[in-house]
Amino acid sequence: MKRKTFKPVLAATLAATMMLTACGGGAAATTAATTAAATTAQETTTAEATTVAEEAKIIKDEIVVAYNSDVVSMDPQNQSDVASGLIIRHLYNRLMSISDDGELGMDLVESYEMVDDTTYHFKIKEGVKFHDGSDLTTSDVKFTLERAKTMSSTISSASHIDEVIIDNDHEFTLKLTAPYPAILYVLGNMNFSIVSEDAVTAAGDSYGGQPIGSGPFKFVEWVPLDHWTIERFDEYVDGPALASKITCNIVPEAGNRCIALETGEADIALRLSEIDVPNVENNPDLIAHAEVGASIEFMGMNCESEYFDDVRVRQAVNYAINKQEIVDTILEGRGEPANTYVGKTIPSYNPDQEDYPFDIEKAKELMKEAGHEDGFDVTITVNGDVRTRTATLIQAQLAEIGINVDIEAIEWGTYLDQLKTGELEMYILGWSNSIIDPDRSFSTLFPSDQCGYDGNNYTFFKNAEVDKLIAEAAVNTDHEARMKQYQKLQAVLMEQAPWVPLFYQQQPAGTNAKLKGFEYDKNANFYFGNCRYEE
């Protein structure tokens, strides 16, 4: 049995490292560290915060953020969207943490050991308090992980958990049903944040309205479709944050978010439109931030609908979409066409995956073969200005093969609800793989048993070969073989075409030039606790 201090490693190589450790290879055993040696760059320790306070006087520590979408749920296990993850990141702790480069660290976990391929022993930090003053113990960890096995947003990953055994208040053993190389990354995902057993039990199905976490900030208020506010939790286990209060205003129009930044109404503006980025870049009072991350923008087709149940129609749509025109027109060239089903920074991404070329004649040929030579009428549902403009361009492109598209733009929460019902024919959405492991890109989006309310398969695509490949790759401890399985999976999905992978974009953000402590996260898991203004 080997014990080790965990150090950050690239996501692409961790699975192989874990396999070697489990097989008895690697360096000599060492005593596990008693502090989180691999904290992410967004997390500031008490000592670092004290140093900042000593070196410069903070003159403003209440931060205002402008964002495009509202919270869906503040219950970690009841959401899988980036907007909810933004507030959850501040309210709760996770067992592990993940940087935007895919480096794995420890959050609540103080040390761990991998006993064998299916058994892990963890020790969590002592002295961790929930916002109501109660202690966070392994009982809350067990409750959270077992609850995750029953929730649609987490059930796919949590199904690999066989048993959580409490050894004492600060140590527990996790047993898996089979080897699962992604497990440590899963434990670093936002929707595996640790909740209070007492608070969730007391609130029942209504939990989330008054969330009780253990994170650096505690909940103040949420006014749906308007704003949410959180304030510093002074008893946070790693020391108080530098920011005292964070307010996130919901501003759906990208142009208005940019204006809020320019006028000083907001200190940080996220999800800027590519059209507005030059305005920020050319303003000496502002700073622009942008980088391609782990997300992918795509157009989904309901594979159970009247027309898209035919793979030839789905393939025709893929041939008819000019992705480069979308990138040049909608993204102002700040992005690139997506050639497969995962983000570019995800291990197993295949740059050589053959994409559908833009070929109107081939698209028309497939439409004729499918019996739709004269085309048909369909609705594409979207949320937000960028997706609305993207849909408008797609509308013109699909008209070339007789598909008449009506565009319906709706509010974010309603949009997610309708995706789950299966009533949407076509939709544009993005997926950000927050754990930087390919399992997250496939096991929650494409399995037959993850459709609608049971998961995030909103295309209602069902394919036995895809199900088999996902299940086999998830438990494969041979890293190279596992990556090849995911690349084969990408090829099968491209052929079956439940999506049109559209583009990889930079997700631009802007900040006040005088703001200190902001760190751009290319996977949109932003942390604002270090933000402040100094003399």
Protein backbone atom coordinates (compact mmCIF):
# COMPACT_ATOMS: atom_id res chain seq x y z
CA MET A 1 0.00 0.00 0.00
CA LYS A 2 1.41 3.37 -0.96
CA ARG A 3 0.70 6.73 0.56
CA LYS A 4 1.55 9.86 -1.32
CA THR A 5 1.48 13.61 -1.32
CA PHE A 6 -0.66 14.62 -4.26
CA LYS A 7 0.93 17.09 -6.67
CA PRO A 8 -0.73 18.70 -9.68
CA VAL A 9 -0.47 16.79 -12.91
CA LEU A 10 -1.94 17.33 -16.33
CA ALA A 11 -5.36 15.84 -16.86
CA ALA A 12 -4.12 13.97 -19.89
CA THR A 13 -1.59 11.99 -17.85
CA LEU A 14 -3.31 11.53 -14.49
CA ALA A 15 -5.18 8.37 -15.45
CA ALA A 16 -1.94 6.64 -16.39
CA THR A 17 -0.28 7.80 -13.18
CA MET A 18 -3.16 6.46 -11.11
CA MET A 19 -2.98 3.14 -12.90
CA LEU A 20 0.74 2.75 -12.16
CA THR A 21 0.23 3.64 -8.50
CA ALA A 22 -2.53 1.09 -8.16
CA CYS A 23 -0.31 -1.56 -9.71
CA GLY A 24 2.50 -0.90 -7.25
CA GLY A 25 4.79 1.15 -9.52
CA GLY A 26 6.22 4.61 -8.99
CA ALA A 27 8.30 6.25 -6.29
CA ALA A 28 8.76 5.07 -2.74
CA ALA A 29 5.90 5.67 -0.32
CA THR A 30 5.78 9.05 1.40
CA THR A 31 3.66 10.48 4.16
CA ALA A 32 0.63 12.33 2.81
CA ALA A 33 0.69 16.08 3.30
CA THR A 34 -1.54 17.56 5.94
CA THR A 35 -2.24 20.69 3.97
CA ALA A 36 -3.66 21.19 0.48
CA ALA A 37 -0.38 21.47 -1.42
CA ALA A 38 -2.16 21.62 -4.75
CA THR A 39 -4.67 24.41 -4.24
CA THR A 40 -5.78 26.11 -7.42
CA ALA A 41 -4.63 29.58 -8.41
CA GLN A 42 -8.03 31.04 -7.52
CA GLU A 43 -7.73 30.03 -3.85
CA THR A 44 -5.87 32.37 -1.49
CA THR A 45 -4.61 31.07 1.83
CA THR A 46 -4.80 32.98 5.09
CA ALA A 47 -1.09 33.80 4.90
CA GLU A 48 -1.41 35.16 1.36
CA ALA A 49 -4.42 37.27 2.29
CA THR A 50 -2.52 38.68 5.28
CA THR A 51 0.43 39.55 3.05
CA VAL A 52 -1.84 41.41 0.63
CA ALA A 53 -3.43 43.33 3.48
CA GLU A 54 -0.01 44.31 4.85
CA GLU A 55 1.46 45.38 1.53
CA ALA A 56 -1.44 47.53 0.30
CA LYS A 57 -4.49 49.15 1.79
CA ILE A 58 -7.75 47.88 0.33
CA ILE A 59 -10.02 50.82 -0.47
CA LYS A 60 -12.92 48.92 -2.03
CA ASP A 61 -13.83 45.27 -1.57
CA GLU A 62 -17.46 45.11 -2.74
CA ILE A 63 -17.41 43.71 -6.26
CA VAL A 64 -20.12 43.92 -8.94
CA VAL A 65 -20.23 41.42 -11.79
CA ALA A 66 -22.37 41.59 -14.94
CA TYR A 67 -23.33 38.17 -16.30
CA ASN A 68 -25.66 36.94 -19.03
CA SER A 69 -27.63 34.13 -17.36
CA ASP A 70 -29.44 33.60 -14.09
CA VAL A 71 -29.01 30.88 -11.52
CA VAL A 72 -31.07 27.73 -12.08
CA SER A 73 -30.45 26.18 -8.67
CA MET A 74 -28.16 26.78 -5.69
CA ASP A 75 -28.42 23.11 -4.81
CA PRO A 76 -25.15 21.68 -6.21
CA GLN A 77 -26.59 18.27 -7.03
CA ASN A 78 -29.58 19.79 -8.79
CA GLN A 79 -27.75 21.73 -11.52
CA SER A 80 -25.21 21.30 -14.29
CA ASP A 81 -25.13 24.78 -15.79
CA VAL A 82 -22.31 27.32 -15.72
CA ALA A 83 -24.51 30.14 -14.34
CA SER A 84 -25.40 28.13 -11.23
CA GLY A 85 -21.84 26.91 -10.92
CA LEU A 86 -20.69 30.53 -10.63
CA ILE A 87 -22.43 31.08 -7.30
CA ILE A 88 -21.92 27.50 -6.10
CA ARG A 89 -18.16 27.96 -6.57
CA HIS A 90 -18.28 30.63 -3.84
CA LEU A 91 -20.84 29.09 -1.46
CA TYR A 92 -19.50 25.56 -1.13
CA ASN A 93 -16.37 23.44 -0.93
CA ARG A 94 -15.60 20.39 -3.01
CA LEU A 95 -13.42 17.49 -1.97
CA MET A 96 -10.96 18.16 -4.80
CA SER A 97 -10.27 21.21 -6.96
CA ILE A 98 -9.42 21.61 -10.64
CA SER A 99 -7.56 24.49 -12.27
CA ASP A 100 -8.53 25.75 -15.71
CA ASP A 101 -5.48 23.92 -17.09
CA GLY A 102 -6.78 20.63 -15.74
CA GLU A 103 -4.44 20.44 -12.78
CA LEU A 104 -5.99 18.55 -9.90
CA GLY A 105 -5.63 19.80 -6.33
CA MET A 106 -7.27 19.33 -2.94
CA ASP A 107 -10.01 21.50 -1.47
CA LEU A 108 -11.65 19.88 1.57
CA VAL A 109 -9.33 16.91 1.24
CA GLU A 110 -6.16 17.19 3.31
CA SER A 111 -4.63 13.92 2.10
CA TYR A 112 -5.65 10.74 0.37
CA GLU A 113 -4.35 7.35 -0.63
CA MET A 114 -5.35 5.08 -3.46
CA VAL A 115 -5.60 1.67 -1.81
CA ASP A 116 -6.34 -0.21 -5.02
CA ASP A 117 -8.13 0.35 -8.34
CA THR A 118 -11.51 0.67 -6.66
CA THR A 119 -10.73 1.93 -3.15
CA TYR A 120 -9.66 5.37 -1.93
CA HIS A 121 -9.06 6.57 1.59
CA PHE A 122 -9.50 10.29 2.28
CA LYS A 123 -8.79 12.60 5.20
CA ILE A 124 -10.61 15.93 5.21
CA LYS A 125 -9.63 19.15 6.96
CA GLU A 126 -10.62 19.65 10.57
CA GLY A 127 -12.34 22.81 11.74
CA VAL A 128 -14.48 23.29 8.63
CA LYS A 129 -17.69 25.16 9.45
CA PHE A 130 -20.92 25.48 7.56
CA HIS A 131 -22.40 28.96 7.34
CA ASP A 132 -24.89 28.13 10.11
CA GLY A 133 -22.00 27.41 12.49
CA SER A 134 -22.25 23.61 12.43
CA ASP A 135 -19.24 21.39 11.74
CA LEU A 136 -18.66 19.75 8.37
CA THR A 137 -17.79 16.08 8.91
CA THR A 138 -17.54 12.91 6.89
CA SER A 139 -21.22 12.32 7.62
CA ASP A 140 -21.97 15.28 5.32
CA VAL A 141 -19.58 13.88 2.71
CA LYS A 142 -21.28 10.48 2.78
CA PHE A 143 -24.71 12.13 2.59
CA THR A 144 -23.65 14.25 -0.41
CA LEU A 145 -22.13 11.40 -2.40
CA GLU A 146 -25.05 9.06 -1.74
CA ARG A 147 -27.49 11.83 -2.63
CA ALA A 148 -25.59 12.38 -5.89
CA LYS A 149 -26.50 8.83 -6.89
CA THR A 150 -30.18 9.85 -6.92
CA MET A 151 -29.99 13.22 -8.73
CA SER A 152 -30.28 13.52 -12.52
CA SER A 153 -27.37 15.97 -12.86
CA THR A 154 -24.93 13.71 -11.02
CA ILE A 155 -26.30 10.18 -11.32
CA SER A 156 -24.15 9.23 -14.30
CA SER A 157 -20.83 9.89 -12.56
CA ALA A 158 -22.07 8.94 -9.08
CA SER A 159 -23.27 5.55 -10.31
CA HIS A 160 -19.64 4.43 -10.14
CA ILE A 161 -19.69 4.87 -6.35
CA ASP A 162 -20.44 1.62 -4.56
CA GLU A 163 -20.07 2.58 -0.91
CA VAL A 164 -18.93 5.44 1.32
CA ILE A 165 -17.60 4.19 4.65
CA ILE A 166 -17.13 6.63 7.53
CA ASP A 167 -13.96 5.82 9.46
CA ASN A 168 -14.28 8.81 11.81
CA ASP A 169 -15.40 12.44 11.65
CA HIS A 170 -12.55 13.39 9.32
CA GLU A 171 -11.66 10.19 7.45
CA PHE A 172 -13.68 8.08 5.04
CA THR A 173 -13.19 5.29 2.53
CA LEU A 174 -14.69 5.44 -0.95
CA LYS A 175 -15.35 2.16 -2.75
CA LEU A 176 -16.16 2.08 -6.46
CA THR A 177 -18.16 -0.48 -8.41
CA ALA A 178 -15.25 -0.80 -10.85
CA PRO A 179 -12.08 1.16 -11.69
CA TYR A 180 -13.10 4.70 -12.66
CA PRO A 181 -10.10 6.84 -13.71
CA ALA A 182 -12.14 10.06 -13.67
CA ILE A 183 -13.25 9.79 -10.03
CA LEU A 184 -10.89 12.39 -8.52
CA TYR A 185 -11.90 14.86 -11.21
CA VAL A 186 -15.56 14.10 -10.59
CA LEU A 187 -15.05 14.93 -6.90
CA GLY A 188 -13.74 18.32 -8.03
CA ASN A 189 -16.84 19.15 -10.06
CA MET A 190 -19.20 21.89 -8.87
CA ASN A 191 -22.19 19.57 -8.64
CA PHE A 192 -20.29 17.34 -6.21
CA SER A 193 -19.88 20.23 -3.76
CA ILE A 194 -20.46 19.09 -0.18
CA VAL A 195 -23.83 20.01 1.31
CA SER A 196 -25.00 20.03 4.93
CA GLU A 197 -26.92 16.86 5.71
CA ASP A 198 -28.96 18.68 8.37
CA ALA A 199 -29.80 21.65 6.13
CA VAL A 200 -30.83 19.53 3.14
CA THR A 201 -32.83 17.12 5.28
CA ALA A 202 -34.68 19.97 6.98
CA ALA A 203 -35.50 21.72 3.69
CA GLY A 204 -36.37 18.59 1.74
CA ASP A 205 -37.16 19.11 -1.95
CA SER A 206 -37.12 22.89 -1.46
CA TYR A 207 -33.42 22.97 -0.58
CA GLY A 208 -31.49 25.65 -2.45
CA GLY A 209 -33.62 28.68 -1.66
CA GLN A 210 -31.50 29.43 1.41
CA PRO A 211 -28.30 27.47 0.71
CA ILE A 212 -25.97 26.53 3.57
CA GLY A 213 -22.45 25.85 2.38
CA SER A 214 -18.96 25.93 3.87
CA GLY A 215 -17.33 28.05 1.18
CA PRO A 216 -15.63 31.46 1.43
CA PHE A 217 -18.93 33.31 0.91
CA LYS A 218 -22.39 32.92 2.37
CA PHE A 219 -25.73 33.57 0.74
CA VAL A 220 -27.48 36.93 1.14
CA GLU A 221 -30.22 37.11 -1.50
CA TRP A 222 -31.31 36.03 -4.93
CA VAL A 223 -33.81 38.04 -6.97
CA PRO A 224 -34.56 35.84 -9.99
CA LEU A 225 -33.73 37.40 -13.37
CA ASP A 226 -32.22 40.42 -11.60
CA HIS A 227 -29.26 39.67 -9.30
CA TRP A 228 -27.75 37.56 -6.56
CA THR A 229 -25.59 38.72 -3.65
CA ILE A 230 -23.19 36.88 -1.37
CA GLU A 231 -20.98 38.12 1.47
CA ARG A 232 -17.70 37.05 3.01
CA PHE A 233 -17.74 34.16 5.50
CA ASP A 234 -15.19 35.21 8.11
CA GLU A 235 -14.91 31.70 9.59
CA TYR A 236 -13.89 30.11 6.31
CA VAL A 237 -11.42 27.30 6.98
CA ASP A 238 -8.69 28.77 4.75
CA GLY A 239 -9.13 32.30 6.07
CA PRO A 240 -11.46 35.11 4.99
CA ALA A 241 -11.60 36.23 1.38
CA LEU A 242 -10.32 39.65 0.32
CA ALA A 243 -13.64 40.71 -1.22
CA SER A 244 -16.35 41.44 1.35
CA LYS A 245 -19.39 41.26 -0.90
CA ILE A 246 -20.10 40.12 -4.44
CA THR A 247 -23.20 41.09 -6.40
CA CYS A 248 -23.86 39.50 -9.77
CA ASN A 249 -26.32 41.42 -11.93
CA ILE A 250 -28.13 39.45 -14.62
CA VAL A 251 -27.74 41.41 -17.87
CA PRO A 252 -28.86 39.28 -20.83
CA GLU A 253 -27.72 41.71 -23.56
CA ALA A 254 -23.96 41.59 -24.17
CA GLY A 255 -23.88 45.24 -25.25
CA ASN A 256 -25.41 46.31 -21.95
CA ARG A 257 -22.84 44.27 -20.01
CA CYS A 258 -20.11 46.14 -21.87
CA ILE A 259 -21.75 49.48 -21.13
CA ALA A 260 -22.00 48.57 -17.43
CA LEU A 261 -18.25 47.92 -17.44
CA GLU A 262 -17.45 51.14 -19.32
CA THR A 263 -19.53 53.30 -16.99
CA GLY A 264 -18.19 51.68 -13.81
CA GLU A 265 -21.53 50.14 -12.91
CA ALA A 266 -19.78 46.77 -13.05
CA ASP A 267 -16.21 45.88 -12.07
CA ILE A 268 -16.27 42.67 -14.11
CA ALA A 269 -18.28 41.81 -17.23
CA LEU A 270 -18.43 38.18 -18.35
CA ARG A 271 -19.50 36.64 -21.64
CA LEU A 272 -18.85 39.78 -23.65
CA SER A 273 -19.84 39.74 -27.28
CA GLU A 274 -16.93 39.48 -29.69
CA ILE A 275 -18.28 42.67 -31.27
CA ASP A 276 -17.65 44.54 -28.01
CA VAL A 277 -14.15 43.21 -27.33
CA PRO A 278 -12.38 45.91 -29.42
CA ASN A 279 -14.15 48.59 -27.35
CA VAL A 280 -12.67 47.07 -24.19
CA GLU A 281 -9.24 46.53 -25.74
CA ASN A 282 -9.05 50.15 -26.87
CA ASN A 283 -10.18 51.59 -23.53
CA PRO A 284 -7.17 52.34 -21.24
CA ASP A 285 -9.44 52.06 -18.20
CA LEU A 286 -10.38 48.47 -19.00
CA ILE A 287 -8.69 45.11 -19.59
CA ALA A 288 -9.94 42.43 -21.98
CA HIS A 289 -9.45 38.72 -21.24
CA ALA A 290 -10.06 35.87 -23.70
CA GLU A 291 -8.86 32.33 -24.29
CA VAL A 292 -10.31 29.16 -25.82
CA GLY A 293 -11.19 26.70 -23.05
CA ALA A 294 -12.87 23.35 -22.56
CA SER A 295 -16.28 24.36 -23.92
CA ILE A 296 -17.94 23.66 -27.23
CA GLU A 297 -20.94 25.38 -28.83
CA PHE A 298 -23.28 23.09 -30.72
CA MET A 299 -26.70 22.80 -32.33
CA GLY A 300 -28.67 19.79 -31.13
CA MET A 301 -31.42 18.00 -33.02
CA ASN A 302 -34.17 16.02 -31.33
CA CYS A 303 -33.58 12.50 -32.61
CA GLU A 304 -37.13 11.46 -31.67
CA SER A 305 -38.81 14.27 -33.61
CA GLU A 306 -40.66 13.90 -36.87
CA TYR A 307 -37.74 14.75 -39.15
CA PHE A 308 -34.57 14.29 -37.15
CA ASP A 309 -35.23 10.65 -36.32
CA ASP A 310 -33.64 10.01 -39.74
CA VAL A 311 -29.82 10.09 -39.64
CA ARG A 312 -29.75 11.24 -43.28
CA VAL A 313 -31.58 14.43 -42.37
CA ARG A 314 -29.19 15.07 -39.47
CA GLN A 315 -26.23 14.53 -41.78
CA ALA A 316 -27.79 16.85 -44.37
CA VAL A 317 -28.03 19.59 -41.76
CA ASN A 318 -24.35 19.09 -40.93
CA TYR A 319 -23.38 19.43 -44.59
CA ALA A 320 -25.52 22.58 -44.96
CA ILE A 321 -23.95 24.53 -42.09
CA ASN A 322 -21.07 26.83 -43.02
CA LYS A 323 -19.20 26.95 -39.70
CA GLN A 324 -16.46 29.25 -40.91
CA GLU A 325 -19.06 31.83 -41.90
CA ILE A 326 -20.51 31.60 -38.39
CA VAL A 327 -17.08 32.11 -36.80
CA ASP A 328 -16.24 35.03 -39.09
CA THR A 329 -19.64 36.71 -38.77
CA ILE A 330 -20.83 35.98 -35.23
CA LEU A 331 -17.49 35.64 -33.44
CA GLU A 332 -15.68 38.29 -35.47
CA GLY A 333 -13.05 35.64 -36.16
CA ARG A 334 -12.38 35.14 -32.42
CA GLY A 335 -12.83 31.38 -32.40
CA GLU A 336 -12.65 28.43 -34.75
CA PRO A 337 -15.01 25.82 -36.22
CA ALA A 338 -15.55 22.72 -34.08
CA ASN A 339 -14.54 19.50 -35.83
CA THR A 340 -15.73 17.02 -33.19
CA TYR A 341 -17.77 16.53 -30.02
CA VAL A 342 -15.35 17.71 -27.31
CA GLY A 343 -13.54 20.93 -26.46
CA LYS A 344 -10.01 21.41 -27.78
CA THR A 345 -8.42 21.26 -24.33
CA ILE A 346 -10.04 17.96 -23.34
CA PRO A 347 -7.83 14.85 -23.37
CA SER A 348 -8.82 12.62 -26.32
CA TYR A 349 -9.67 15.62 -28.51
CA ASN A 350 -8.85 14.47 -32.04
CA PRO A 351 -7.59 17.27 -34.30
CA ASP A 352 -7.72 14.83 -37.22
CA GLN A 353 -11.37 13.91 -36.76
CA GLU A 354 -12.98 14.36 -40.16
CA ASP A 355 -15.71 16.99 -40.08
CA TYR A 356 -18.61 17.48 -42.49
CA PRO A 357 -17.44 19.82 -45.25
CA PHE A 358 -19.78 22.61 -46.28
CA ASP A 359 -21.53 20.94 -49.24
CA ILE A 360 -25.00 22.12 -50.20
CA GLU A 361 -25.37 19.62 -53.06
CA LYS A 362 -24.55 16.69 -50.78
CA ALA A 363 -27.05 18.03 -48.25
CA LYS A 364 -29.77 18.25 -50.91
CA GLU A 365 -28.99 14.71 -52.05
CA LEU A 366 -29.44 13.35 -48.51
CA MET A 367 -32.68 15.31 -48.06
CA LYS A 368 -34.01 13.73 -51.25
CA GLU A 369 -33.00 10.24 -50.12
CA ALA A 370 -34.84 10.84 -46.84
CA GLY A 371 -38.00 11.85 -48.71
CA HIS A 372 -37.77 15.55 -47.88
CA GLU A 373 -36.75 16.99 -51.22
CA ASP A 374 -39.24 19.84 -50.70
CA GLY A 375 -37.96 20.51 -47.20
CA PHE A 376 -39.98 21.10 -44.03
CA ASP A 377 -40.66 23.63 -41.28
CA VAL A 378 -38.89 23.48 -37.94
CA THR A 379 -38.28 25.65 -34.86
CA ILE A 380 -34.88 26.33 -33.33
CA THR A 381 -34.94 27.49 -29.71
CA VAL A 382 -32.18 29.66 -28.25
CA ASN A 383 -31.22 31.83 -25.32
CA GLY A 384 -29.02 34.93 -25.41
CA ASP A 385 -27.98 37.37 -28.11
CA VAL A 386 -25.00 35.44 -29.53
CA ARG A 387 -27.07 32.28 -29.96
CA THR A 388 -29.93 34.28 -31.43
CA ARG A 389 -27.61 35.81 -34.02
CA THR A 390 -26.09 32.37 -34.68
CA ALA A 391 -29.57 30.95 -35.23
CA THR A 392 -30.37 33.76 -37.68
CA LEU A 393 -27.36 32.82 -39.81
CA ILE A 394 -28.21 29.11 -39.58
CA GLN A 395 -31.77 29.99 -40.62
CA ALA A 396 -30.43 31.45 -43.88
CA GLN A 397 -28.07 28.53 -44.45
CA LEU A 398 -30.71 25.82 -43.95
CA ALA A 399 -33.12 27.65 -46.25
CA GLU A 400 -30.75 26.62 -49.07
CA ILE A 401 -31.87 22.98 -48.63
CA GLY A 402 -35.55 23.75 -48.03
CA ILE A 403 -35.57 23.68 -44.23
CA ASN A 404 -37.59 26.68 -43.08
CA VAL A 405 -36.47 27.67 -39.59
CA ASP A 406 -38.50 29.67 -37.10
CA ILE A 407 -36.42 31.12 -34.24
CA GLU A 408 -37.73 31.16 -30.68
CA ALA A 409 -35.67 33.00 -28.03
CA ILE A 410 -36.63 32.31 -24.42
CA GLU A 411 -35.39 32.94 -20.86
CA TRP A 412 -32.60 30.67 -19.56
CA GLY A 413 -34.50 28.81 -16.85
CA THR A 414 -37.45 28.16 -19.16
CA TYR A 415 -35.02 27.06 -21.84
CA LEU A 416 -33.48 24.38 -19.60
CA ASP A 417 -36.92 23.17 -18.53
CA GLN A 418 -38.04 22.75 -22.13
CA LEU A 419 -34.85 20.92 -23.08
CA LYS A 420 -35.68 18.29 -20.50
CA THR A 421 -39.22 17.76 -21.77
CA GLY A 422 -38.07 16.75 -25.24
CA GLU A 423 -40.40 19.24 -26.91
CA LEU A 424 -37.64 21.24 -28.63
CA GLU A 425 -36.91 20.28 -32.24
CA MET A 426 -33.58 22.09 -32.54
CA TYR A 427 -31.57 24.14 -30.07
CA ILE A 428 -28.21 25.85 -29.65
CA LEU A 429 -26.32 25.24 -26.44
CA GLY A 430 -22.82 25.06 -25.07
CA TRP A 431 -21.13 22.43 -22.94
CA SER A 432 -18.18 23.20 -20.71
CA ASN A 433 -16.34 20.15 -19.41
CA SER A 434 -15.49 21.43 -15.94
CA ILE A 435 -13.51 18.36 -14.85
CA ILE A 436 -11.27 18.24 -17.94
CA ASP A 437 -11.78 14.49 -18.32
CA PRO A 438 -13.47 13.08 -21.45
CA ASP A 439 -15.89 11.03 -19.38
CA ARG A 440 -17.72 14.23 -18.47
CA SER A 441 -18.14 15.11 -22.16
CA PHE A 442 -19.78 11.82 -23.03
CA SER A 443 -21.33 10.03 -20.04
CA THR A 444 -23.73 12.86 -19.26
CA LEU A 445 -24.67 13.92 -22.81
CA PHE A 446 -25.18 10.82 -24.95
CA PRO A 447 -26.16 7.63 -23.05
CA SER A 448 -29.62 6.33 -23.82
CA ASP A 449 -30.56 6.36 -20.13
CA GLN A 450 -29.60 10.03 -19.69
CA CYS A 451 -32.39 11.56 -21.78
CA GLY A 452 -34.33 14.59 -20.57
CA TYR A 453 -35.07 14.62 -16.86
CA ASP A 454 -32.77 11.63 -16.30
CA GLY A 455 -29.66 13.53 -17.38
CA ASN A 456 -28.37 15.94 -20.00
CA ASN A 457 -29.07 14.03 -23.21
CA TYR A 458 -31.36 16.67 -24.67
CA THR A 459 -31.20 15.28 -28.22
CA PHE A 460 -32.88 12.08 -26.98
CA PHE A 461 -30.28 10.22 -29.05
CA LYS A 462 -30.14 6.48 -28.37
CA ASN A 463 -27.48 4.20 -29.81
CA ALA A 464 -26.33 0.87 -28.44
CA GLU A 465 -22.77 1.18 -29.81
CA VAL A 466 -22.35 4.61 -28.22
CA ASP A 467 -23.69 3.32 -24.90
CA LYS A 468 -21.21 0.44 -24.99
CA LEU A 469 -18.23 2.64 -25.85
CA ILE A 470 -19.04 5.14 -23.08
CA ALA A 471 -19.41 2.40 -20.48
CA GLU A 472 -16.19 0.63 -21.50
CA ALA A 473 -14.05 3.77 -21.66
CA ALA A 474 -15.24 4.98 -18.25
CA VAL A 475 -13.66 2.02 -16.42
CA ASN A 476 -10.56 1.52 -18.57
CA THR A 477 -7.39 2.13 -16.52
CA ASP A 478 -5.12 1.87 -19.58
CA HIS A 479 -4.78 5.57 -20.38
CA GLU A 480 -3.73 5.26 -24.01
CA ALA A 481 -6.40 2.66 -24.78
CA ARG A 482 -8.99 4.80 -23.01
CA MET A 483 -8.14 7.86 -25.14
CA LYS A 484 -8.45 5.76 -28.31
CA GLN A 485 -11.88 4.59 -27.16
CA TYR A 486 -13.00 8.19 -26.78
CA GLN A 487 -11.65 9.04 -30.22
CA LYS A 488 -13.60 6.12 -31.70
CA LEU A 489 -16.64 7.43 -29.85
CA GLN A 490 -16.18 10.83 -31.49
CA ALA A 491 -16.09 9.19 -34.93
CA VAL A 492 -19.31 7.26 -34.26
CA LEU A 493 -21.07 10.38 -33.01
CA MET A 494 -19.95 12.36 -36.06
CA GLU A 495 -21.49 9.68 -38.28
CA GLN A 496 -24.74 9.52 -36.28
CA ALA A 497 -24.88 13.33 -36.12
CA PRO A 498 -27.18 14.17 -33.18
CA TRP A 499 -25.36 17.52 -33.08
CA VAL A 500 -23.81 20.00 -35.39
CA PRO A 501 -20.61 20.88 -33.48
CA LEU A 502 -20.44 24.60 -34.24
CA PHE A 503 -17.39 26.33 -32.80
CA TYR A 504 -14.83 26.79 -30.07
CA GLN A 505 -14.99 30.35 -28.76
CA GLN A 506 -12.91 32.44 -26.42
CA GLN A 507 -15.67 33.54 -23.99
CA PRO A 508 -14.33 37.11 -23.59
CA ALA A 509 -14.46 38.96 -20.29
CA GLY A 510 -13.60 42.51 -19.30
CA THR A 511 -12.46 44.09 -16.03
CA ASN A 512 -11.72 47.53 -14.64
CA ALA A 513 -7.99 48.16 -15.10
CA LYS A 514 -7.60 49.12 -11.44
CA LEU A 515 -9.17 45.91 -10.15
CA LYS A 516 -6.72 43.58 -8.42
CA GLY A 517 -6.97 39.83 -7.96
CA PHE A 518 -9.11 38.86 -10.95
CA GLU A 519 -7.99 35.64 -12.61
CA TYR A 520 -9.47 34.71 -15.94
CA ASP A 521 -10.71 31.11 -16.00
CA LYS A 522 -10.98 29.78 -19.54
CA ASN A 523 -13.50 27.16 -18.34
CA ALA A 524 -15.73 29.86 -16.78
CA ASN A 525 -15.33 28.57 -13.19
CA PHE A 526 -14.56 32.08 -11.99
CA TYR A 527 -13.63 32.92 -8.40
CA PHE A 528 -14.02 36.55 -7.32
CA GLY A 529 -12.93 36.28 -3.68
CA ASN A 530 -9.49 37.82 -4.34
CA CYS A 531 -10.86 40.87 -6.18
CA ARG A 532 -10.44 44.31 -4.62
CA TYR A 533 -9.21 47.85 -5.23
CA GLU A 534 -6.11 49.17 -3.47
CA GLU A 535 -4.55 52.56 -2.83
